[in-house]
């Protein structure tokens, strides 16, 4: 897998927001993917300059202010399904038609926020999602603005759609594909968990990162649709397997970091003698 140093570093930091990332651990991780030490150092310097990471000690970094809000939202994927509430057939709407599309940077940020929160476009500039999450419209409005949606975007509840609009709304999401992906990814994770103990540590760490990155991204961008639109049991089964996979993967990476640290200390001690 060809992996950019920036993506590797940010993903490692997103795994546990409470655990700072030392540059030596970043270099150890980079080596697994053929990334040179110099490339890791350059990437961390640039991420720091962009405000995406910040030094908390010599050679040790945490996420910076430019990434903190989005990172905090993404890192809550483990509790995402707890947000689900009974759906009563109403919608949360975001009206963006008055915002324009000429500012490409603002447009990309807007599209990213709407995708992350499960919205789809019903009509020109009108994006909707089922109102089935804890806190309702008010909580979703706060979350959208917190993630960077322009404050000029109108966020409101949408009720009593006409029959044609309701039918179109119900078909905005690829429900069949989502259901297939729940089952397919769960099967892959289960297969890996059944044989990961037999893998070499470096191979296990590399595979855990690659598969975990894709599976967690799938969970982060899941639109959290109500059971009326997707197979909620298949989603829950996928999620439970992902939690077990994530725990196993984090254990593998902790042991890898510890082994690298022990090796550095042993080499340092030998050099002194």
C-alpha atoms as a PDB file:
ATOM      1  CA  UNK A   1       0.000   0.000   0.000  1.00  0.00           C
ATOM      2  CA  UNK A   2       1.382   3.413  -1.013  1.00  0.00           C
ATOM      3  CA  UNK A   3       0.821   5.629   2.002  1.00  0.00           C
ATOM      4  CA  UNK A   4       1.589   9.316   2.325  1.00  0.00           C
ATOM      5  CA  UNK A   5       3.442  10.263   5.525  1.00  0.00           C
ATOM      6  CA  UNK A   6       0.833  12.916   6.436  1.00  0.00           C
ATOM      7  CA  UNK A   7      -2.001  10.418   6.315  1.00  0.00           C
ATOM      8  CA  UNK A   8      -0.077   7.854   8.348  1.00  0.00           C
ATOM      9  CA  UNK A   9       0.791  10.367  11.064  1.00  0.00           C
ATOM     10  CA  UNK A  10      -2.714  11.814  11.362  1.00  0.00           C
ATOM     11  CA  UNK A  11      -4.336   8.379  11.400  1.00  0.00           C
ATOM     12  CA  UNK A  12      -1.977   7.192  14.118  1.00  0.00           C
ATOM     13  CA  UNK A  13      -2.876  10.228  16.207  1.00  0.00           C
ATOM     14  CA  UNK A  14      -6.606   9.774  15.609  1.00  0.00           C
ATOM     15  CA  UNK A  15      -6.406   6.237  16.969  1.00  0.00           C
ATOM     16  CA  UNK A  16      -6.082   7.593  20.502  1.00  0.00           C
ATOM     17  CA  UNK A  17      -6.462  11.341  21.059  1.00  0.00           C
ATOM     18  CA  UNK A  18      -5.217  10.988  24.635  1.00  0.00           C
ATOM     19  CA  UNK A  19      -1.905   9.435  23.597  1.00  0.00           C
ATOM     20  CA  UNK A  20       0.732  11.815  22.154  1.00  0.00           C
ATOM     21  CA  UNK A  21       2.759  10.550  19.217  1.00  0.00           C
ATOM     22  CA  UNK A  22       6.529  10.552  19.563  1.00  0.00           C
ATOM     23  CA  UNK A  23       8.552  11.134  16.432  1.00  0.00           C
ATOM     24  CA  UNK A  24      10.440   7.877  17.055  1.00  0.00           C
ATOM     25  CA  UNK A  25       7.152   5.946  17.036  1.00  0.00           C
ATOM     26  CA  UNK A  26       6.141   7.753  13.846  1.00  0.00           C
ATOM     27  CA  UNK A  27       9.447   6.742  12.247  1.00  0.00           C
ATOM     28  CA  UNK A  28       8.924   3.123  13.358  1.00  0.00           C
ATOM     29  CA  UNK A  29       5.453   3.150  11.816  1.00  0.00           C
ATOM     30  CA  UNK A  30       6.694   4.767   8.629  1.00  0.00           C
ATOM     31  CA  UNK A  31       9.347   2.088   8.155  1.00  0.00           C
ATOM     32  CA  UNK A  32       6.605  -0.562   7.932  1.00  0.00           C
ATOM     33  CA  UNK A  33       5.283   1.175   4.830  1.00  0.00           C
ATOM     34  CA  UNK A  34       8.614   1.989   3.227  1.00  0.00           C
ATOM     35  CA  UNK A  35       8.513   5.634   4.291  1.00  0.00           C
ATOM     36  CA  UNK A  36      11.949   7.088   4.967  1.00  0.00           C
ATOM     37  CA  UNK A  37      12.796   8.729   8.279  1.00  0.00           C
ATOM     38  CA  UNK A  38      13.497  12.032   6.531  1.00  0.00           C
ATOM     39  CA  UNK A  39      10.031  11.976   4.928  1.00  0.00           C
ATOM     40  CA  UNK A  40       8.379  11.393   8.306  1.00  0.00           C
ATOM     41  CA  UNK A  41      10.300  14.294   9.854  1.00  0.00           C
ATOM     42  CA  UNK A  42       9.418  16.628   6.969  1.00  0.00           C
ATOM     43  CA  UNK A  43       5.753  15.634   7.178  1.00  0.00           C
ATOM     44  CA  UNK A  44       5.610  16.305  10.917  1.00  0.00           C
ATOM     45  CA  UNK A  45       7.294  19.698  10.447  1.00  0.00           C
ATOM     46  CA  UNK A  46       4.748  20.670   7.799  1.00  0.00           C
ATOM     47  CA  UNK A  47       1.794  19.374   9.813  1.00  0.00           C
ATOM     48  CA  UNK A  48       3.032  21.473  12.727  1.00  0.00           C
ATOM     49  CA  UNK A  49       3.356  24.551  10.511  1.00  0.00           C
ATOM     50  CA  UNK A  50      -0.215  24.011   9.283  1.00  0.00           C
ATOM     51  CA  UNK A  51      -1.506  23.823  12.849  1.00  0.00           C
ATOM     52  CA  UNK A  52      -2.635  20.210  12.426  1.00  0.00           C
ATOM     53  CA  UNK A  53      -0.257  18.931  15.108  1.00  0.00           C
ATOM     54  CA  UNK A  54       1.517  20.699  17.973  1.00  0.00           C
ATOM     55  CA  UNK A  55       4.542  19.812  20.083  1.00  0.00           C
ATOM     56  CA  UNK A  56       3.711  19.009  23.707  1.00  0.00           C
ATOM     57  CA  UNK A  57       7.287  17.975  24.585  1.00  0.00           C
ATOM     58  CA  UNK A  58      10.571  17.532  22.786  1.00  0.00           C
ATOM     59  CA  UNK A  59       9.873  15.227  19.826  1.00  0.00           C
ATOM     60  CA  UNK A  60       6.325  14.485  21.039  1.00  0.00           C
ATOM     61  CA  UNK A  61       3.150  15.764  19.376  1.00  0.00           C
ATOM     62  CA  UNK A  62      -0.602  16.023  19.863  1.00  0.00           C
ATOM     63  CA  UNK A  63      -3.245  17.158  17.390  1.00  0.00           C
ATOM     64  CA  UNK A  64      -3.214  20.893  16.843  1.00  0.00           C
ATOM     65  CA  UNK A  65      -6.037  23.432  16.892  1.00  0.00           C
ATOM     66  CA  UNK A  66      -6.671  23.228  13.136  1.00  0.00           C
ATOM     67  CA  UNK A  67      -7.526  19.517  13.388  1.00  0.00           C
ATOM     68  CA  UNK A  68      -8.970  19.240  16.885  1.00  0.00           C
ATOM     69  CA  UNK A  69     -12.700  19.744  16.232  1.00  0.00           C
ATOM     70  CA  UNK A  70     -12.859  17.439  13.229  1.00  0.00           C
ATOM     71  CA  UNK A  71     -10.592  14.886  14.935  1.00  0.00           C
ATOM     72  CA  UNK A  72     -12.752  14.864  18.060  1.00  0.00           C
ATOM     73  CA  UNK A  73     -15.846  14.211  15.959  1.00  0.00           C
ATOM     74  CA  UNK A  74     -14.188  11.446  13.938  1.00  0.00           C
ATOM     75  CA  UNK A  75     -12.663   9.818  17.022  1.00  0.00           C
ATOM     76  CA  UNK A  76     -16.141   9.304  18.494  1.00  0.00           C
ATOM     77  CA  UNK A  77     -16.872   6.565  15.961  1.00  0.00           C
ATOM     78  CA  UNK A  78     -16.884   3.991  18.782  1.00  0.00           C
ATOM     79  CA  UNK A  79     -20.032   5.572  20.216  1.00  0.00           C
ATOM     80  CA  UNK A  80     -21.725   6.458  16.920  1.00  0.00           C
ATOM     81  CA  UNK A  81     -24.518   3.889  17.141  1.00  0.00           C
ATOM     82  CA  UNK A  82     -25.490   5.211  20.555  1.00  0.00           C
ATOM     83  CA  UNK A  83     -26.694   8.370  18.790  1.00  0.00           C
ATOM     84  CA  UNK A  84     -29.480   6.496  17.010  1.00  0.00           C
ATOM     85  CA  UNK A  85     -33.050   7.226  18.039  1.00  0.00           C
ATOM     86  CA  UNK A  86     -36.428   6.090  16.799  1.00  0.00           C
ATOM     87  CA  UNK A  87     -37.242   7.660  13.444  1.00  0.00           C
ATOM     88  CA  UNK A  88     -40.659   9.291  13.083  1.00  0.00           C
ATOM     89  CA  UNK A  89     -40.393   9.993   9.357  1.00  0.00           C
ATOM     90  CA  UNK A  90     -39.149  13.580   9.607  1.00  0.00           C
ATOM     91  CA  UNK A  91     -35.937  15.082   8.246  1.00  0.00           C
ATOM     92  CA  UNK A  92     -33.146  17.506   9.039  1.00  0.00           C
ATOM     93  CA  UNK A  93     -32.563  19.881   6.133  1.00  0.00           C
ATOM     94  CA  UNK A  94     -29.608  22.082   5.175  1.00  0.00           C
ATOM     95  CA  UNK A  95     -30.270  24.766   2.572  1.00  0.00           C
ATOM     96  CA  UNK A  96     -27.095  25.850   0.773  1.00  0.00           C
ATOM     97  CA  UNK A  97     -28.332  27.279  -2.542  1.00  0.00           C
ATOM     98  CA  UNK A  98     -27.698  30.872  -1.445  1.00  0.00           C
ATOM     99  CA  UNK A  99     -24.073  30.158  -0.486  1.00  0.00           C
ATOM    100  CA  UNK A 100     -22.727  29.883  -4.014  1.00  0.00           C
ATOM    101  CA  UNK A 101     -20.132  27.522  -5.450  1.00  0.00           C
ATOM    102  CA  UNK A 102     -17.386  29.846  -6.710  1.00  0.00           C
ATOM    103  CA  UNK A 103     -15.193  29.493  -3.608  1.00  0.00           C
ATOM    104  CA  UNK A 104     -13.740  26.037  -4.254  1.00  0.00           C
ATOM    105  CA  UNK A 105     -12.118  25.702  -0.837  1.00  0.00           C
ATOM    106  CA  UNK A 106     -15.356  26.584   0.967  1.00  0.00           C
ATOM    107  CA  UNK A 107     -17.296  24.248  -1.327  1.00  0.00           C
ATOM    108  CA  UNK A 108     -14.972  21.317  -0.594  1.00  0.00           C
ATOM    109  CA  UNK A 109     -15.256  21.947   3.150  1.00  0.00           C
ATOM    110  CA  UNK A 110     -19.051  22.133   2.886  1.00  0.00           C
ATOM    111  CA  UNK A 111     -19.255  18.898   0.893  1.00  0.00           C
ATOM    112  CA  UNK A 112     -16.967  17.143   3.396  1.00  0.00           C
ATOM    113  CA  UNK A 113     -19.122  18.204   6.353  1.00  0.00           C
ATOM    114  CA  UNK A 114     -22.363  17.138   4.646  1.00  0.00           C
ATOM    115  CA  UNK A 115     -20.884  13.774   3.642  1.00  0.00           C
ATOM    116  CA  UNK A 116     -19.526  13.157   7.138  1.00  0.00           C
ATOM    117  CA  UNK A 117     -22.960  13.812   8.658  1.00  0.00           C
ATOM    118  CA  UNK A 118     -24.909  11.686   6.182  1.00  0.00           C
ATOM    119  CA  UNK A 119     -26.712  14.352   4.159  1.00  0.00           C
ATOM    120  CA  UNK A 120     -27.766  13.874   0.520  1.00  0.00           C
ATOM    121  CA  UNK A 121     -29.098  16.416  -1.962  1.00  0.00           C
ATOM    122  CA  UNK A 122     -32.860  16.239  -2.502  1.00  0.00           C
ATOM    123  CA  UNK A 123     -33.180  19.339  -4.684  1.00  0.00           C
ATOM    124  CA  UNK A 124     -30.780  22.016  -5.863  1.00  0.00           C
ATOM    125  CA  UNK A 125     -28.984  23.231  -2.740  1.00  0.00           C
ATOM    126  CA  UNK A 126     -31.330  21.363  -0.378  1.00  0.00           C
ATOM    127  CA  UNK A 127     -29.647  18.536   1.539  1.00  0.00           C
ATOM    128  CA  UNK A 128     -31.490  16.246   3.936  1.00  0.00           C
ATOM    129  CA  UNK A 129     -31.036  13.289   6.267  1.00  0.00           C
ATOM    130  CA  UNK A 130     -33.429  11.407   8.550  1.00  0.00           C
ATOM    131  CA  UNK A 131     -33.982  13.121  11.896  1.00  0.00           C
ATOM    132  CA  UNK A 132     -33.110   9.987  13.860  1.00  0.00           C
ATOM    133  CA  UNK A 133     -30.122  11.067  15.954  1.00  0.00           C
ATOM    134  CA  UNK A 134     -29.963  12.146  19.590  1.00  0.00           C
ATOM    135  CA  UNK A 135     -30.695  15.810  20.129  1.00  0.00           C
ATOM    136  CA  UNK A 136     -32.658  16.232  16.928  1.00  0.00           C
ATOM    137  CA  UNK A 137     -32.329  19.279  14.701  1.00  0.00           C
ATOM    138  CA  UNK A 138     -30.707  21.492  17.346  1.00  0.00           C
ATOM    139  CA  UNK A 139     -27.884  19.031  18.039  1.00  0.00           C
ATOM    140  CA  UNK A 140     -27.305  18.441  14.327  1.00  0.00           C
ATOM    141  CA  UNK A 141     -27.189  22.199  13.682  1.00  0.00           C
ATOM    142  CA  UNK A 142     -24.563  22.623  16.391  1.00  0.00           C
ATOM    143  CA  UNK A 143     -22.528  19.721  15.052  1.00  0.00           C
ATOM    144  CA  UNK A 144     -22.632  20.980  11.455  1.00  0.00           C
ATOM    145  CA  UNK A 145     -21.470  24.463  12.396  1.00  0.00           C
ATOM    146  CA  UNK A 146     -18.832  23.002  14.702  1.00  0.00           C
ATOM    147  CA  UNK A 147     -17.425  20.946  11.833  1.00  0.00           C
ATOM    148  CA  UNK A 148     -17.111  24.016   9.649  1.00  0.00           C
ATOM    149  CA  UNK A 149     -20.387  24.450   7.767  1.00  0.00           C
ATOM    150  CA  UNK A 150     -20.897  28.136   6.964  1.00  0.00           C
ATOM    151  CA  UNK A 151     -23.102  29.888   9.501  1.00  0.00           C
ATOM    152  CA  UNK A 152     -25.130  31.309   6.607  1.00  0.00           C
ATOM    153  CA  UNK A 153     -26.408  27.808   5.782  1.00  0.00           C
ATOM    154  CA  UNK A 154     -29.980  27.303   6.987  1.00  0.00           C
ATOM    155  CA  UNK A 155     -30.437  24.181   9.141  1.00  0.00           C
ATOM    156  CA  UNK A 156     -34.047  23.285   9.986  1.00  0.00           C
ATOM    157  CA  UNK A 157     -36.537  20.480  10.452  1.00  0.00           C
ATOM    158  CA  UNK A 158     -38.478  19.248   7.412  1.00  0.00           C
ATOM    159  CA  UNK A 159     -41.918  17.689   7.879  1.00  0.00           C
ATOM    160  CA  UNK A 160     -44.784  16.348   5.777  1.00  0.00           C
ATOM    161  CA  UNK A 161     -43.111  16.034   2.379  1.00  0.00           C
ATOM    162  CA  UNK A 162     -45.442  15.358  -0.528  1.00  0.00           C
ATOM    163  CA  UNK A 163     -45.588  11.738  -1.698  1.00  0.00           C
ATOM    164  CA  UNK A 164     -43.224  12.223  -4.651  1.00  0.00           C
ATOM    165  CA  UNK A 165     -40.599  14.078  -2.590  1.00  0.00           C
ATOM    166  CA  UNK A 166     -40.860  11.505   0.208  1.00  0.00           C
ATOM    167  CA  UNK A 167     -40.286   8.674  -2.254  1.00  0.00           C
ATOM    168  CA  UNK A 168     -37.251  10.461  -3.715  1.00  0.00           C
ATOM    169  CA  UNK A 169     -35.933  11.171  -0.234  1.00  0.00           C
ATOM    170  CA  UNK A 170     -36.195   7.523   0.779  1.00  0.00           C
ATOM    171  CA  UNK A 171     -34.084   6.534  -2.228  1.00  0.00           C
ATOM    172  CA  UNK A 172     -31.225   8.996  -1.831  1.00  0.00           C
ATOM    173  CA  UNK A 173     -28.915   6.538  -0.050  1.00  0.00           C
ATOM    174  CA  UNK A 174     -27.529   3.301  -1.590  1.00  0.00           C
ATOM    175  CA  UNK A 175     -29.145   1.089   1.050  1.00  0.00           C
ATOM    176  CA  UNK A 176     -28.453  -2.218  -0.721  1.00  0.00           C
ATOM    177  CA  UNK A 177     -24.769  -1.313  -1.110  1.00  0.00           C
ATOM    178  CA  UNK A 178     -24.526  -0.268   2.529  1.00  0.00           C
ATOM    179  CA  UNK A 179     -25.978  -3.608   3.628  1.00  0.00           C
ATOM    180  CA  UNK A 180     -23.563  -5.543   1.411  1.00  0.00           C
ATOM    181  CA  UNK A 181     -20.641  -3.522   2.760  1.00  0.00           C
ATOM    182  CA  UNK A 182     -21.655  -4.229   6.376  1.00  0.00           C
ATOM    183  CA  UNK A 183     -21.576  -7.970   5.728  1.00  0.00           C
ATOM    184  CA  UNK A 184     -18.507  -7.984   3.483  1.00  0.00           C
ATOM    185  CA  UNK A 185     -16.333  -5.908   5.794  1.00  0.00           C
ATOM    186  CA  UNK A 186     -17.428  -7.853   8.859  1.00  0.00           C
ATOM    187  CA  UNK A 187     -16.449 -11.104   7.109  1.00  0.00           C
ATOM    188  CA  UNK A 188     -13.001  -9.738   6.222  1.00  0.00           C
ATOM    189  CA  UNK A 189     -12.358  -8.521   9.751  1.00  0.00           C
ATOM    190  CA  UNK A 190     -13.454 -11.831  11.253  1.00  0.00           C
ATOM    191  CA  UNK A 191     -11.170 -13.747   8.901  1.00  0.00           C
ATOM    192  CA  UNK A 192      -8.208 -11.571   9.866  1.00  0.00           C
ATOM    193  CA  UNK A 193      -8.921 -11.856  13.603  1.00  0.00           C
ATOM    194  CA  UNK A 194      -8.975 -15.642  13.307  1.00  0.00           C
ATOM    195  CA  UNK A 195      -5.383 -15.800  12.043  1.00  0.00           C
ATOM    196  CA  UNK A 196      -3.625 -12.582  13.121  1.00  0.00           C
ATOM    197  CA  UNK A 197      -1.801 -14.301  16.019  1.00  0.00           C
ATOM    198  CA  UNK A 198       0.124 -16.406  13.499  1.00  0.00           C
ATOM    199  CA  UNK A 199       1.445 -13.379  11.588  1.00  0.00           C
ATOM    200  CA  UNK A 200       4.860 -11.805  12.001  1.00  0.00           C
ATOM    201  CA  UNK A 201       4.547  -8.665  14.190  1.00  0.00           C
ATOM    202  CA  UNK A 202       5.444  -6.247  11.368  1.00  0.00           C
ATOM    203  CA  UNK A 203       3.035  -7.940   8.955  1.00  0.00           C
ATOM    204  CA  UNK A 204       0.262  -7.950  11.556  1.00  0.00           C
ATOM    205  CA  UNK A 205       0.792  -4.253  12.331  1.00  0.00           C
ATOM    206  CA  UNK A 206       0.793  -3.291   8.666  1.00  0.00           C
ATOM    207  CA  UNK A 207      -2.340  -5.287   7.874  1.00  0.00           C
ATOM    208  CA  UNK A 208      -4.097  -4.061  11.015  1.00  0.00           C
ATOM    209  CA  UNK A 209      -3.482  -0.468   9.954  1.00  0.00           C
ATOM    210  CA  UNK A 210      -4.573  -0.901   6.331  1.00  0.00           C
ATOM    211  CA  UNK A 211      -7.735  -2.883   7.033  1.00  0.00           C
ATOM    212  CA  UNK A 212      -8.571  -0.877  10.113  1.00  0.00           C
ATOM    213  CA  UNK A 213      -8.178   2.423   8.279  1.00  0.00           C
ATOM    214  CA  UNK A 214     -10.684   1.348   5.639  1.00  0.00           C
ATOM    215  CA  UNK A 215     -13.168  -0.177   8.102  1.00  0.00           C
ATOM    216  CA  UNK A 216     -13.105   2.782  10.497  1.00  0.00           C
ATOM    217  CA  UNK A 217     -13.554   5.165   7.570  1.00  0.00           C
ATOM    218  CA  UNK A 218     -16.588   3.116   6.569  1.00  0.00           C
ATOM    219  CA  UNK A 219     -18.002   3.555  10.074  1.00  0.00           C
ATOM    220  CA  UNK A 220     -17.135   7.270  10.259  1.00  0.00           C
ATOM    221  CA  UNK A 221     -18.914   8.010   6.978  1.00  0.00           C
ATOM    222  CA  UNK A 222     -21.856   5.703   7.627  1.00  0.00           C
ATOM    223  CA  UNK A 223     -24.991   7.861   7.301  1.00  0.00           C
ATOM    224  CA  UNK A 224     -26.570   6.217  10.366  1.00  0.00           C
ATOM    225  CA  UNK A 225     -29.843   5.593   8.603  1.00  0.00           C
ATOM    226  CA  UNK A 226     -32.885   4.256  10.448  1.00  0.00           C
ATOM    227  CA  UNK A 227     -33.867   0.608  10.210  1.00  0.00           C
ATOM    228  CA  UNK A 228     -36.592   1.591   7.761  1.00  0.00           C
ATOM    229  CA  UNK A 229     -33.823   2.243   5.214  1.00  0.00           C
ATOM    230  CA  UNK A 230     -31.000  -0.189   6.065  1.00  0.00           C
ATOM    231  CA  UNK A 231     -30.408  -3.498   7.848  1.00  0.00           C
ATOM    232  CA  UNK A 232     -29.720  -2.269  11.377  1.00  0.00           C
ATOM    233  CA  UNK A 233     -28.770  -5.742  12.618  1.00  0.00           C
ATOM    234  CA  UNK A 234     -26.117  -6.138   9.905  1.00  0.00           C
ATOM    235  CA  UNK A 235     -24.715  -2.717  10.784  1.00  0.00           C
ATOM    236  CA  UNK A 236     -24.581  -3.587  14.490  1.00  0.00           C
ATOM    237  CA  UNK A 237     -22.818  -6.887  13.756  1.00  0.00           C
ATOM    238  CA  UNK A 238     -20.248  -5.082  11.605  1.00  0.00           C
ATOM    239  CA  UNK A 239     -19.731  -2.492  14.328  1.00  0.00           C
ATOM    240  CA  UNK A 240     -19.244  -5.090  17.086  1.00  0.00           C
ATOM    241  CA  UNK A 241     -16.648  -6.904  14.968  1.00  0.00           C
ATOM    242  CA  UNK A 242     -14.892  -3.613  14.221  1.00  0.00           C
ATOM    243  CA  UNK A 243     -14.593  -2.870  17.947  1.00  0.00           C
ATOM    244  CA  UNK A 244     -12.942  -6.260  18.521  1.00  0.00           C
ATOM    245  CA  UNK A 245     -10.661  -5.686  15.537  1.00  0.00           C
ATOM    246  CA  UNK A 246      -9.693  -2.213  16.749  1.00  0.00           C
ATOM    247  CA  UNK A 247      -8.788  -3.558  20.198  1.00  0.00           C
ATOM    248  CA  UNK A 248      -6.628  -6.288  18.667  1.00  0.00           C
ATOM    249  CA  UNK A 249      -4.948  -3.834  16.289  1.00  0.00           C
ATOM    250  CA  UNK A 250      -4.133  -1.346  19.022  1.00  0.00           C
ATOM    251  CA  UNK A 251      -2.574  -4.140  21.063  1.00  0.00           C
ATOM    252  CA  UNK A 252      -0.364  -5.107  18.109  1.00  0.00           C
ATOM    253  CA  UNK A 253       0.802  -1.520  17.619  1.00  0.00           C
ATOM    254  CA  UNK A 254       1.509  -1.015  21.329  1.00  0.00           C
ATOM    255  CA  UNK A 255       3.734  -4.100  21.325  1.00  0.00           C
ATOM    256  CA  UNK A 256       5.472  -2.904  18.165  1.00  0.00           C
ATOM    257  CA  UNK A 257       6.238   0.496  19.716  1.00  0.00           C
ATOM    258  CA  UNK A 258       7.474  -1.144  22.918  1.00  0.00           C
ATOM    259  CA  UNK A 259       9.718  -3.544  21.003  1.00  0.00           C
ATOM    260  CA  UNK A 260      11.221  -0.643  19.020  1.00  0.00           C
ATOM    261  CA  UNK A 261      11.759   1.342  22.234  1.00  0.00           C
ATOM    262  CA  UNK A 262      13.444  -1.611  23.953  1.00  0.00           C
ATOM    263  CA  UNK A 263      15.677  -2.086  20.916  1.00  0.00           C
ATOM    264  CA  UNK A 264      16.715   1.592  20.922  1.00  0.00           C
ATOM    265  CA  UNK A 265      17.530   1.477  24.643  1.00  0.00           C
ATOM    266  CA  UNK A 266      19.528  -1.712  24.222  1.00  0.00           C
ATOM    267  CA  UNK A 267      21.481  -0.184  21.303  1.00  0.00           C
ATOM    268  CA  UNK A 268      22.112   2.968  23.313  1.00  0.00           C
ATOM    269  CA  UNK A 269      23.370   0.948  26.279  1.00  0.00           C
ATOM    270  CA  UNK A 270      25.654  -1.111  24.082  1.00  0.00           C
ATOM    271  CA  UNK A 271      27.111   2.045  22.533  1.00  0.00           C
ATOM    272  CA  UNK A 272      27.954   3.437  25.977  1.00  0.00           C
ATOM    273  CA  UNK A 273      29.971   0.335  26.753  1.00  0.00           C
END
